[in-house]
Amino acid sequence: MARRPKHDPRESEREILDAAEQLLRERPFREMSVDAVMSRTGLKRPAFYVHFRDRHDLALRVVENTGRTLFEMTDRWLRGEDPAADARRAFEGLVEVYVEHGPVLRALSEAAGSDEKVERAYKALVRRFAEATVRHIREEQDRGRIGALPDVEQTAAALIWMDERYLSEAFGREPHADPRVVVDVLHTIWMATLYGTAPSGAAPGTAASPRSVGR
């Protein structure tokens, strides 16, 4: 009978990823070595290389996994039919992710400023959000819900990078901001920018539709 492996590969991979997140909560990326990560697991150093090439590859996987969770939250708005309500649910989801992973996301954001591989991965993640936002804005414009904007791509990029920086500052270290206030702030800014109305005001598109911006 074949001998069963001591560790399930999926469990080992998850253990290493969890250890990396724990380390990034406490130290900058430049101090995240393979030895430092593996010392927080019950695994031997060779187990690391079964799943990852190096610490850069590990960081990219953390970005990828967290990004997947963030996209699940933004889909609440991108695939919804009620702009104001769906956007609020999306921001509530984003804030939940940042409350849990804020220090890790902040560490990766800071690492992007000095590490080329992390920078490429992090910026690619932000671009995916911006591109999805561009598509959604244009769909909403086709429905007549969003009027003219100075530039759709630049508007989407500005909103997404604002979110990234604001959420990183709000939840990147303790004590963090009040999640309910952060949701209100982001929701108000997005609704006012795209629909020309505050969330508590008239239905989207009625307060300033068609928009006069850019005309």
Protein backbone atom coordinates (compact mmCIF):
# COMPACT_ATOMS: atom_id res chain seq x y z
CA MET A 1 0.00 0.00 0.00
CA ALA A 2 1.29 3.44 -0.96
CA ARG A 3 2.28 5.64 1.91
CA ARG A 4 0.01 8.63 2.35
CA PRO A 5 1.71 12.04 2.20
CA LYS A 6 2.25 13.72 5.51
CA HIS A 7 0.61 16.92 4.30
CA ASP A 8 -2.15 17.44 1.78
CA PRO A 9 -0.69 19.70 -0.95
CA ARG A 10 -3.67 22.04 -0.87
CA GLU A 11 -3.45 22.36 2.90
CA SER A 12 0.29 23.00 2.69
CA GLU A 13 -0.20 25.71 0.09
CA ARG A 14 -2.92 27.36 2.16
CA GLU A 15 -0.72 27.20 5.26
CA ILE A 16 2.10 28.98 3.46
CA LEU A 17 -0.23 31.64 2.05
CA ASP A 18 -1.71 32.23 5.50
CA ALA A 19 1.79 32.55 6.97
CA ALA A 20 2.72 35.08 4.29
CA GLU A 21 -0.36 37.16 5.10
CA GLN A 22 0.47 37.05 8.81
CA LEU A 23 4.01 38.21 8.10
CA LEU A 24 2.87 41.04 5.82
CA ARG A 25 0.60 42.29 8.57
CA GLU A 26 3.68 42.85 10.73
CA ARG A 27 6.58 43.59 8.38
CA PRO A 28 7.21 45.25 5.01
CA PHE A 29 7.57 43.07 1.93
CA ARG A 30 11.36 43.58 1.82
CA GLU A 31 11.59 41.59 5.08
CA MET A 32 9.47 38.70 3.79
CA SER A 33 11.98 35.92 3.19
CA VAL A 34 11.25 32.26 2.54
CA ASP A 35 12.73 31.35 5.92
CA ALA A 36 10.61 33.97 7.70
CA VAL A 37 7.45 32.61 6.11
CA MET A 38 8.23 28.94 6.66
CA SER A 39 9.14 29.53 10.31
CA ARG A 40 5.44 30.33 10.84
CA THR A 41 4.32 26.98 9.43
CA GLY A 42 4.74 23.38 10.46
CA LEU A 43 6.45 22.63 7.16
CA LYS A 44 10.04 22.23 6.03
CA ARG A 45 11.67 24.76 3.70
CA PRO A 46 11.59 22.41 0.64
CA ALA A 47 7.78 22.39 0.87
CA PHE A 48 7.80 26.05 -0.14
CA TYR A 49 9.29 25.28 -3.54
CA VAL A 50 6.63 22.68 -4.27
CA HIS A 51 4.15 25.54 -4.59
CA PHE A 52 6.13 28.74 -5.23
CA ARG A 53 9.25 29.73 -7.16
CA ASP A 54 10.34 32.48 -4.78
CA ARG A 55 8.99 35.14 -2.45
CA HIS A 56 7.88 37.23 -5.43
CA ASP A 57 5.76 34.37 -6.71
CA LEU A 58 4.28 34.00 -3.22
CA ALA A 59 3.41 37.71 -3.07
CA LEU A 60 1.77 37.53 -6.49
CA ARG A 61 -0.39 34.65 -5.30
CA VAL A 62 -1.48 36.68 -2.29
CA VAL A 63 -2.42 39.53 -4.66
CA GLU A 64 -4.27 37.11 -6.93
CA ASN A 65 -6.23 35.46 -4.11
CA THR A 66 -7.22 38.75 -2.50
CA GLY A 67 -8.09 40.24 -5.88
CA ARG A 68 -10.44 37.34 -6.58
CA THR A 69 -12.28 38.05 -3.35
CA LEU A 70 -12.49 41.77 -4.17
CA PHE A 71 -13.95 41.00 -7.60
CA GLU A 72 -16.63 38.84 -6.04
CA MET A 73 -17.70 41.88 -4.05
CA THR A 74 -17.66 44.36 -6.95
CA ASP A 75 -19.80 42.01 -9.03
CA ARG A 76 -22.64 43.06 -6.75
CA TRP A 77 -22.60 46.39 -8.60
CA LEU A 78 -21.32 45.33 -12.00
CA ARG A 79 -24.04 42.72 -12.46
CA GLY A 80 -26.86 44.43 -10.57
CA GLU A 81 -29.90 46.35 -11.77
CA ASP A 82 -30.39 48.88 -8.96
CA PRO A 83 -27.38 51.25 -9.22
CA ALA A 84 -27.59 52.86 -5.78
CA ALA A 85 -28.48 49.72 -3.80
CA ASP A 86 -26.09 47.46 -5.70
CA ALA A 87 -23.22 49.94 -5.33
CA ARG A 88 -23.79 50.13 -1.59
CA ARG A 89 -23.69 46.34 -1.30
CA ALA A 90 -20.50 46.29 -3.34
CA PHE A 91 -18.82 48.87 -1.10
CA GLU A 92 -19.94 47.00 2.00
CA GLY A 93 -18.26 43.91 0.58
CA LEU A 94 -15.07 45.77 -0.32
CA VAL A 95 -14.85 47.26 3.13
CA GLU A 96 -15.32 43.81 4.70
CA VAL A 97 -12.34 42.55 2.69
CA TYR A 98 -10.20 45.53 3.70
CA VAL A 99 -11.16 45.19 7.36
CA GLU A 100 -9.85 41.61 7.22
CA HIS A 101 -6.90 42.05 4.83
CA GLY A 102 -6.14 45.78 4.97
CA PRO A 103 -2.60 45.53 6.41
CA VAL A 104 -1.68 42.90 3.81
CA LEU A 105 -3.05 44.96 0.92
CA ARG A 106 -1.26 48.03 2.24
CA ALA A 107 2.03 46.11 2.46
CA LEU A 108 1.63 44.89 -1.12
CA SER A 109 0.74 48.40 -2.30
CA GLU A 110 3.88 49.78 -0.66
CA ALA A 111 5.95 46.91 -2.08
CA ALA A 112 4.74 47.85 -5.56
CA GLY A 113 6.66 51.09 -5.23
CA SER A 114 10.01 49.33 -4.99
CA ASP A 115 9.59 45.84 -6.45
CA GLU A 116 9.02 45.54 -10.20
CA LYS A 117 7.30 42.14 -10.14
CA VAL A 118 4.90 43.10 -7.38
CA GLU A 119 4.26 46.44 -9.07
CA ARG A 120 3.25 44.76 -12.34
CA ALA A 121 0.90 42.37 -10.58
CA TYR A 122 -0.63 45.02 -8.35
CA LYS A 123 -1.19 47.48 -11.18
CA ALA A 124 -2.66 44.70 -13.32
CA LEU A 125 -5.14 44.00 -10.54
CA VAL A 126 -6.15 47.67 -10.36
CA ARG A 127 -6.45 47.82 -14.16
CA ARG A 128 -8.86 44.89 -14.12
CA PHE A 129 -11.12 46.84 -11.77
CA ALA A 130 -10.84 49.96 -13.92
CA GLU A 131 -11.60 48.07 -17.14
CA ALA A 132 -14.65 46.41 -15.56
CA THR A 133 -15.81 49.82 -14.35
CA VAL A 134 -15.41 51.31 -17.85
CA ARG A 135 -17.57 48.56 -19.32
CA HIS A 136 -20.23 49.07 -16.69
CA ILE A 137 -20.28 52.85 -17.09
CA ARG A 138 -20.79 52.47 -20.84
CA GLU A 139 -23.59 49.96 -20.26
CA GLU A 140 -25.25 52.41 -17.89
CA GLN A 141 -24.81 55.19 -20.46
CA ASP A 142 -26.51 53.00 -23.07
CA ARG A 143 -29.41 52.58 -20.63
CA GLY A 144 -29.58 56.34 -20.17
CA ARG A 145 -28.71 56.18 -16.48
CA ILE A 146 -25.31 57.89 -16.75
CA GLY A 147 -24.87 60.97 -18.89
CA ALA A 148 -21.79 62.46 -20.53
CA LEU A 149 -18.46 62.27 -18.69
CA PRO A 150 -15.25 64.14 -19.56
CA ASP A 151 -13.54 60.80 -20.28
CA VAL A 152 -14.91 57.40 -19.27
CA GLU A 153 -11.54 55.65 -18.98
CA GLN A 154 -9.96 58.42 -16.93
CA THR A 155 -13.03 58.74 -14.71
CA ALA A 156 -12.96 55.00 -13.98
CA ALA A 157 -9.20 55.09 -13.30
CA ALA A 158 -9.57 58.06 -10.94
CA LEU A 159 -12.38 56.39 -8.98
CA ILE A 160 -10.59 53.04 -8.69
CA TRP A 161 -7.24 54.52 -7.65
CA MET A 162 -9.07 56.76 -5.17
CA ASP A 163 -10.71 53.66 -3.68
CA GLU A 164 -7.40 51.80 -3.51
CA ARG A 165 -5.57 54.60 -1.73
CA TYR A 166 -8.44 55.55 0.58
CA LEU A 167 -9.19 51.97 1.63
CA SER A 168 -5.49 51.27 2.17
CA GLU A 169 -5.17 54.33 4.39
CA ALA A 170 -8.44 53.63 6.21
CA PHE A 171 -7.76 49.95 7.00
CA GLY A 172 -4.03 49.46 6.44
CA ARG A 173 -3.14 49.80 10.11
CA GLU A 174 -4.78 50.01 13.51
CA PRO A 175 -6.80 51.78 14.64
CA HIS A 176 -8.78 51.70 11.42
CA ALA A 177 -11.64 53.92 10.30
CA ASP A 178 -15.31 53.25 10.99
CA PRO A 179 -16.40 50.85 8.22
CA ARG A 180 -19.89 52.37 8.04
CA VAL A 181 -18.47 55.84 7.45
CA VAL A 182 -16.12 54.56 4.74
CA VAL A 183 -19.00 52.87 2.93
CA ASP A 184 -21.03 56.10 3.10
CA VAL A 185 -18.14 58.20 1.80
CA LEU A 186 -17.34 55.96 -1.17
CA HIS A 187 -21.00 55.43 -2.04
CA THR A 188 -21.68 59.17 -2.02
CA ILE A 189 -18.66 59.99 -4.20
CA TRP A 190 -19.43 57.32 -6.81
CA MET A 191 -23.13 58.13 -7.03
CA ALA A 192 -22.48 61.87 -7.31
CA THR A 193 -19.73 61.40 -9.91
CA LEU A 194 -21.53 58.93 -12.13
CA TYR A 195 -25.23 59.60 -11.60
CA GLY A 196 -25.20 63.26 -10.59
CA THR A 197 -27.12 62.68 -7.40
CA ALA A 198 -26.48 61.85 -3.76
CA PRO A 199 -27.63 58.34 -2.77
CA SER A 200 -30.38 59.70 -0.54
CA GLY A 201 -31.69 62.03 -3.24
CA ALA A 202 -33.64 61.35 -6.40
CA ALA A 203 -33.36 58.12 -8.30
CA PRO A 204 -30.14 57.74 -10.30
CA GLY A 205 -30.20 59.73 -13.50
CA THR A 206 -33.05 62.07 -12.54
CA ALA A 207 -31.12 64.79 -10.74
CA ALA A 208 -28.77 65.57 -13.60
CA SER A 209 -29.68 63.49 -16.58
CA PRO A 210 -28.53 64.04 -19.17
CA ARG A 211 -25.43 65.35 -17.41
CA SER A 212 -24.02 68.68 -18.49
CA VAL A 213 -20.46 67.72 -17.56
CA GLY A 214 -18.19 67.78 -20.55
CA ARG A 215 -20.74 69.51 -22.81
